[in-house]
N, C-alpha and C. Protein backbone atom coordinates (compact mmCIF):
# COMPACT_ATOMS: atom_id res chain seq x y z
N MET A 1 25.42 -38.38 -26.09
CA MET A 1 25.35 -37.94 -24.72
C MET A 1 26.76 -37.81 -24.15
N ALA A 2 27.63 -38.74 -24.49
CA ALA A 2 28.99 -38.70 -23.98
C ALA A 2 29.71 -37.43 -24.43
N LEU A 3 29.43 -36.99 -25.65
CA LEU A 3 30.04 -35.78 -26.18
C LEU A 3 29.59 -34.55 -25.39
N VAL A 4 28.31 -34.49 -25.08
CA VAL A 4 27.77 -33.36 -24.31
C VAL A 4 28.36 -33.37 -22.90
N LYS A 5 28.41 -34.54 -22.28
CA LYS A 5 28.98 -34.63 -20.92
C LYS A 5 30.43 -34.18 -20.91
N ALA A 6 31.18 -34.60 -21.89
CA ALA A 6 32.59 -34.22 -21.97
C ALA A 6 32.74 -32.71 -22.16
N ALA A 7 31.88 -32.14 -23.00
CA ALA A 7 31.93 -30.69 -23.24
C ALA A 7 31.58 -29.92 -21.97
N GLN A 8 30.59 -30.40 -21.24
CA GLN A 8 30.22 -29.73 -19.99
C GLN A 8 31.37 -29.78 -18.99
N LEU A 9 31.95 -30.94 -18.82
CA LEU A 9 33.04 -31.08 -17.86
C LEU A 9 34.30 -30.35 -18.30
N SER A 10 34.45 -30.09 -19.59
CA SER A 10 35.64 -29.38 -20.07
C SER A 10 35.69 -27.95 -19.56
N MET A 11 34.59 -27.43 -19.07
CA MET A 11 34.60 -26.09 -18.49
C MET A 11 35.55 -26.02 -17.29
N ASN A 12 35.78 -27.15 -16.66
CA ASN A 12 36.70 -27.19 -15.52
C ASN A 12 38.14 -26.95 -15.93
N ASP A 13 38.44 -27.07 -17.22
CA ASP A 13 39.80 -26.90 -17.72
C ASP A 13 40.08 -25.50 -18.25
N ILE A 14 39.10 -24.62 -18.23
CA ILE A 14 39.28 -23.27 -18.74
C ILE A 14 39.83 -22.40 -17.61
N SER A 15 41.02 -21.88 -17.83
CA SER A 15 41.71 -21.15 -16.75
C SER A 15 40.92 -19.94 -16.26
N ALA A 16 40.19 -19.28 -17.12
CA ALA A 16 39.41 -18.11 -16.71
C ALA A 16 38.31 -18.47 -15.71
N PHE A 17 37.90 -19.74 -15.68
CA PHE A 17 36.84 -20.18 -14.77
C PHE A 17 37.37 -20.76 -13.46
N LYS A 18 38.66 -21.02 -13.38
CA LYS A 18 39.24 -21.66 -12.19
C LYS A 18 38.86 -20.88 -10.94
N GLY A 19 38.33 -21.59 -9.98
CA GLY A 19 37.95 -20.97 -8.72
C GLY A 19 36.60 -20.31 -8.71
N ASN A 20 35.97 -20.17 -9.89
CA ASN A 20 34.65 -19.53 -9.97
C ASN A 20 33.57 -20.44 -10.52
N VAL A 21 33.97 -21.40 -11.33
CA VAL A 21 33.02 -22.29 -12.00
C VAL A 21 33.53 -23.72 -11.86
N LYS A 22 32.62 -24.63 -11.59
CA LYS A 22 33.00 -26.04 -11.58
C LYS A 22 31.80 -26.87 -12.02
N ALA A 23 31.97 -27.58 -13.11
CA ALA A 23 30.93 -28.50 -13.57
C ALA A 23 31.10 -29.82 -12.83
N ILE A 24 30.00 -30.39 -12.41
CA ILE A 24 30.04 -31.68 -11.74
C ILE A 24 29.08 -32.63 -12.43
N PRO A 25 29.39 -33.92 -12.43
CA PRO A 25 28.45 -34.88 -13.02
C PRO A 25 27.21 -35.03 -12.12
N THR A 26 26.07 -35.15 -12.73
CA THR A 26 24.85 -35.36 -11.95
C THR A 26 24.24 -36.73 -12.19
N ASP A 27 24.66 -37.40 -13.27
CA ASP A 27 24.07 -38.70 -13.58
C ASP A 27 24.39 -39.75 -12.50
N VAL A 28 25.41 -39.52 -11.72
CA VAL A 28 25.77 -40.48 -10.67
C VAL A 28 24.74 -40.49 -9.55
N TYR A 29 23.85 -39.51 -9.52
CA TYR A 29 22.82 -39.42 -8.48
C TYR A 29 21.46 -39.94 -8.96
N TRP A 30 21.44 -40.58 -10.11
CA TRP A 30 20.20 -41.10 -10.70
C TRP A 30 19.50 -42.05 -9.73
N ASP A 31 18.21 -41.88 -9.58
CA ASP A 31 17.38 -42.70 -8.70
C ASP A 31 16.99 -43.98 -9.45
N LYS A 32 17.66 -45.06 -9.14
CA LYS A 32 17.41 -46.33 -9.84
C LYS A 32 16.02 -46.88 -9.55
N LYS A 33 15.51 -46.63 -8.36
CA LYS A 33 14.16 -47.09 -8.02
C LYS A 33 13.13 -46.38 -8.91
N ALA A 34 13.30 -45.09 -9.10
CA ALA A 34 12.39 -44.34 -9.98
C ALA A 34 12.54 -44.81 -11.42
N ASP A 35 13.76 -45.08 -11.83
CA ASP A 35 14.01 -45.56 -13.18
C ASP A 35 13.32 -46.90 -13.43
N ASP A 36 13.37 -47.78 -12.45
CA ASP A 36 12.72 -49.09 -12.58
C ASP A 36 11.20 -48.95 -12.61
N ALA A 37 10.66 -48.01 -11.84
CA ALA A 37 9.20 -47.86 -11.73
C ALA A 37 8.60 -47.04 -12.87
N TYR A 38 9.40 -46.22 -13.53
CA TYR A 38 8.87 -45.30 -14.53
C TYR A 38 8.10 -45.95 -15.68
N PRO A 39 8.57 -47.05 -16.25
CA PRO A 39 7.84 -47.61 -17.40
C PRO A 39 6.37 -47.92 -17.12
N THR A 40 6.03 -48.22 -15.89
CA THR A 40 4.64 -48.57 -15.56
C THR A 40 4.02 -47.60 -14.56
N TRP A 41 4.51 -46.37 -14.54
CA TRP A 41 4.04 -45.42 -13.52
C TRP A 41 2.54 -45.19 -13.58
N ARG A 42 1.97 -45.20 -14.77
CA ARG A 42 0.52 -44.96 -14.88
C ARG A 42 -0.29 -46.10 -14.26
N ASP A 43 0.24 -47.31 -14.34
CA ASP A 43 -0.46 -48.47 -13.79
C ASP A 43 -0.32 -48.54 -12.27
N ASN A 44 0.67 -47.88 -11.74
CA ASN A 44 0.94 -47.89 -10.29
C ASN A 44 1.08 -46.47 -9.78
N PHE A 45 0.11 -45.63 -10.13
CA PHE A 45 0.22 -44.21 -9.88
C PHE A 45 0.37 -43.86 -8.40
N GLU A 46 -0.35 -44.52 -7.54
CA GLU A 46 -0.27 -44.21 -6.10
C GLU A 46 1.15 -44.45 -5.58
N ALA A 47 1.76 -45.53 -5.99
CA ALA A 47 3.15 -45.80 -5.59
C ALA A 47 4.10 -44.82 -6.25
N TRP A 48 3.83 -44.51 -7.53
CA TRP A 48 4.70 -43.60 -8.27
C TRP A 48 4.73 -42.20 -7.66
N LYS A 49 3.59 -41.73 -7.14
CA LYS A 49 3.53 -40.38 -6.55
C LYS A 49 4.55 -40.22 -5.42
N LYS A 50 4.95 -41.32 -4.81
CA LYS A 50 5.94 -41.27 -3.72
C LYS A 50 7.37 -41.29 -4.25
N ILE A 51 7.52 -41.52 -5.56
CA ILE A 51 8.85 -41.66 -6.15
C ILE A 51 9.18 -40.51 -7.09
N GLY A 52 8.25 -40.19 -7.99
CA GLY A 52 8.55 -39.20 -9.02
C GLY A 52 7.37 -38.34 -9.38
N ALA A 53 7.50 -37.63 -10.50
CA ALA A 53 6.46 -36.73 -10.96
C ALA A 53 5.63 -37.38 -12.06
N ASP A 54 4.45 -36.82 -12.32
CA ASP A 54 3.55 -37.42 -13.30
C ASP A 54 3.82 -36.94 -14.72
N ARG A 55 4.92 -36.26 -14.93
CA ARG A 55 5.34 -35.83 -16.26
C ARG A 55 6.81 -36.23 -16.42
N PRO A 56 7.29 -36.29 -17.63
CA PRO A 56 8.69 -36.68 -17.82
C PRO A 56 9.66 -35.53 -17.53
N TYR A 57 9.59 -35.03 -16.30
CA TYR A 57 10.50 -33.97 -15.88
C TYR A 57 11.93 -34.51 -15.84
N PRO A 58 12.91 -33.61 -15.83
CA PRO A 58 14.29 -34.09 -15.70
C PRO A 58 14.45 -34.99 -14.47
N TYR A 59 15.22 -36.01 -14.62
CA TYR A 59 15.50 -36.96 -13.54
C TYR A 59 14.22 -37.62 -13.01
N LEU A 60 13.21 -37.70 -13.86
CA LEU A 60 11.91 -38.32 -13.55
C LEU A 60 11.19 -37.62 -12.41
N GLY A 61 11.64 -36.42 -12.06
CA GLY A 61 11.02 -35.68 -10.96
C GLY A 61 11.31 -36.30 -9.61
N SER A 62 12.33 -37.12 -9.53
CA SER A 62 12.66 -37.81 -8.28
C SER A 62 13.24 -36.84 -7.25
N THR A 63 12.58 -36.73 -6.11
CA THR A 63 13.09 -35.87 -5.04
C THR A 63 14.40 -36.41 -4.48
N ILE A 64 14.60 -37.70 -4.56
CA ILE A 64 15.87 -38.28 -4.10
C ILE A 64 17.00 -37.77 -4.99
N THR A 65 16.80 -37.84 -6.29
CA THR A 65 17.83 -37.37 -7.22
C THR A 65 18.08 -35.88 -7.02
N PHE A 66 17.02 -35.09 -6.99
CA PHE A 66 17.19 -33.64 -6.83
C PHE A 66 17.87 -33.29 -5.51
N SER A 67 17.56 -34.01 -4.44
CA SER A 67 18.19 -33.75 -3.15
C SER A 67 19.68 -34.06 -3.20
N LYS A 68 20.04 -35.17 -3.81
CA LYS A 68 21.45 -35.54 -3.92
C LYS A 68 22.22 -34.55 -4.79
N ILE A 69 21.61 -34.14 -5.89
CA ILE A 69 22.25 -33.16 -6.77
C ILE A 69 22.40 -31.82 -6.05
N GLY A 70 21.36 -31.41 -5.35
CA GLY A 70 21.43 -30.16 -4.59
C GLY A 70 22.53 -30.18 -3.55
N HIS A 71 22.67 -31.30 -2.87
CA HIS A 71 23.74 -31.44 -1.88
C HIS A 71 25.11 -31.34 -2.56
N ALA A 72 25.25 -32.01 -3.70
CA ALA A 72 26.52 -31.96 -4.43
C ALA A 72 26.82 -30.54 -4.91
N PHE A 73 25.80 -29.81 -5.36
CA PHE A 73 26.01 -28.42 -5.78
C PHE A 73 26.44 -27.57 -4.57
N GLY A 74 25.79 -27.79 -3.45
CA GLY A 74 26.16 -27.05 -2.24
C GLY A 74 27.59 -27.32 -1.81
N GLU A 75 27.98 -28.59 -1.82
CA GLU A 75 29.36 -28.95 -1.47
C GLU A 75 30.35 -28.31 -2.44
N THR A 76 29.99 -28.29 -3.71
CA THR A 76 30.86 -27.69 -4.72
C THR A 76 30.99 -26.19 -4.50
N MET A 77 29.88 -25.53 -4.16
CA MET A 77 29.94 -24.09 -3.87
C MET A 77 30.81 -23.82 -2.66
N LEU A 78 30.69 -24.63 -1.62
CA LEU A 78 31.56 -24.46 -0.44
C LEU A 78 33.02 -24.63 -0.82
N GLU A 79 33.29 -25.60 -1.66
CA GLU A 79 34.66 -25.82 -2.14
C GLU A 79 35.18 -24.61 -2.90
N LEU A 80 34.34 -24.06 -3.77
CA LEU A 80 34.74 -22.88 -4.54
C LEU A 80 34.92 -21.65 -3.65
N ARG A 81 34.16 -21.55 -2.58
CA ARG A 81 34.22 -20.38 -1.69
C ARG A 81 35.31 -20.50 -0.64
N LYS A 82 35.88 -21.67 -0.50
CA LYS A 82 36.90 -21.90 0.53
C LYS A 82 38.04 -20.87 0.39
N GLY A 83 38.31 -20.21 1.50
CA GLY A 83 39.40 -19.24 1.51
C GLY A 83 39.03 -17.88 0.95
N LYS A 84 37.75 -17.66 0.62
CA LYS A 84 37.34 -16.35 0.08
C LYS A 84 36.53 -15.60 1.09
């Protein structure tokens, strides 16, 4: 996993992408509450429905995680568009 993360972030070092592309880490937005609840989600389905999805979707389907990632993507786009 570390190799893949490093390869993804290395896109930030390619001069042809400067100002147009920026990879950002998303694992920092992981929903720890969803992670803790996931192993027993079937036994606590009513509570789980408020946290994540009923399938192993990326990021456990956590709306908290997706919202934080979306905000980070938006901030990154604004940063890339600054001055254009």
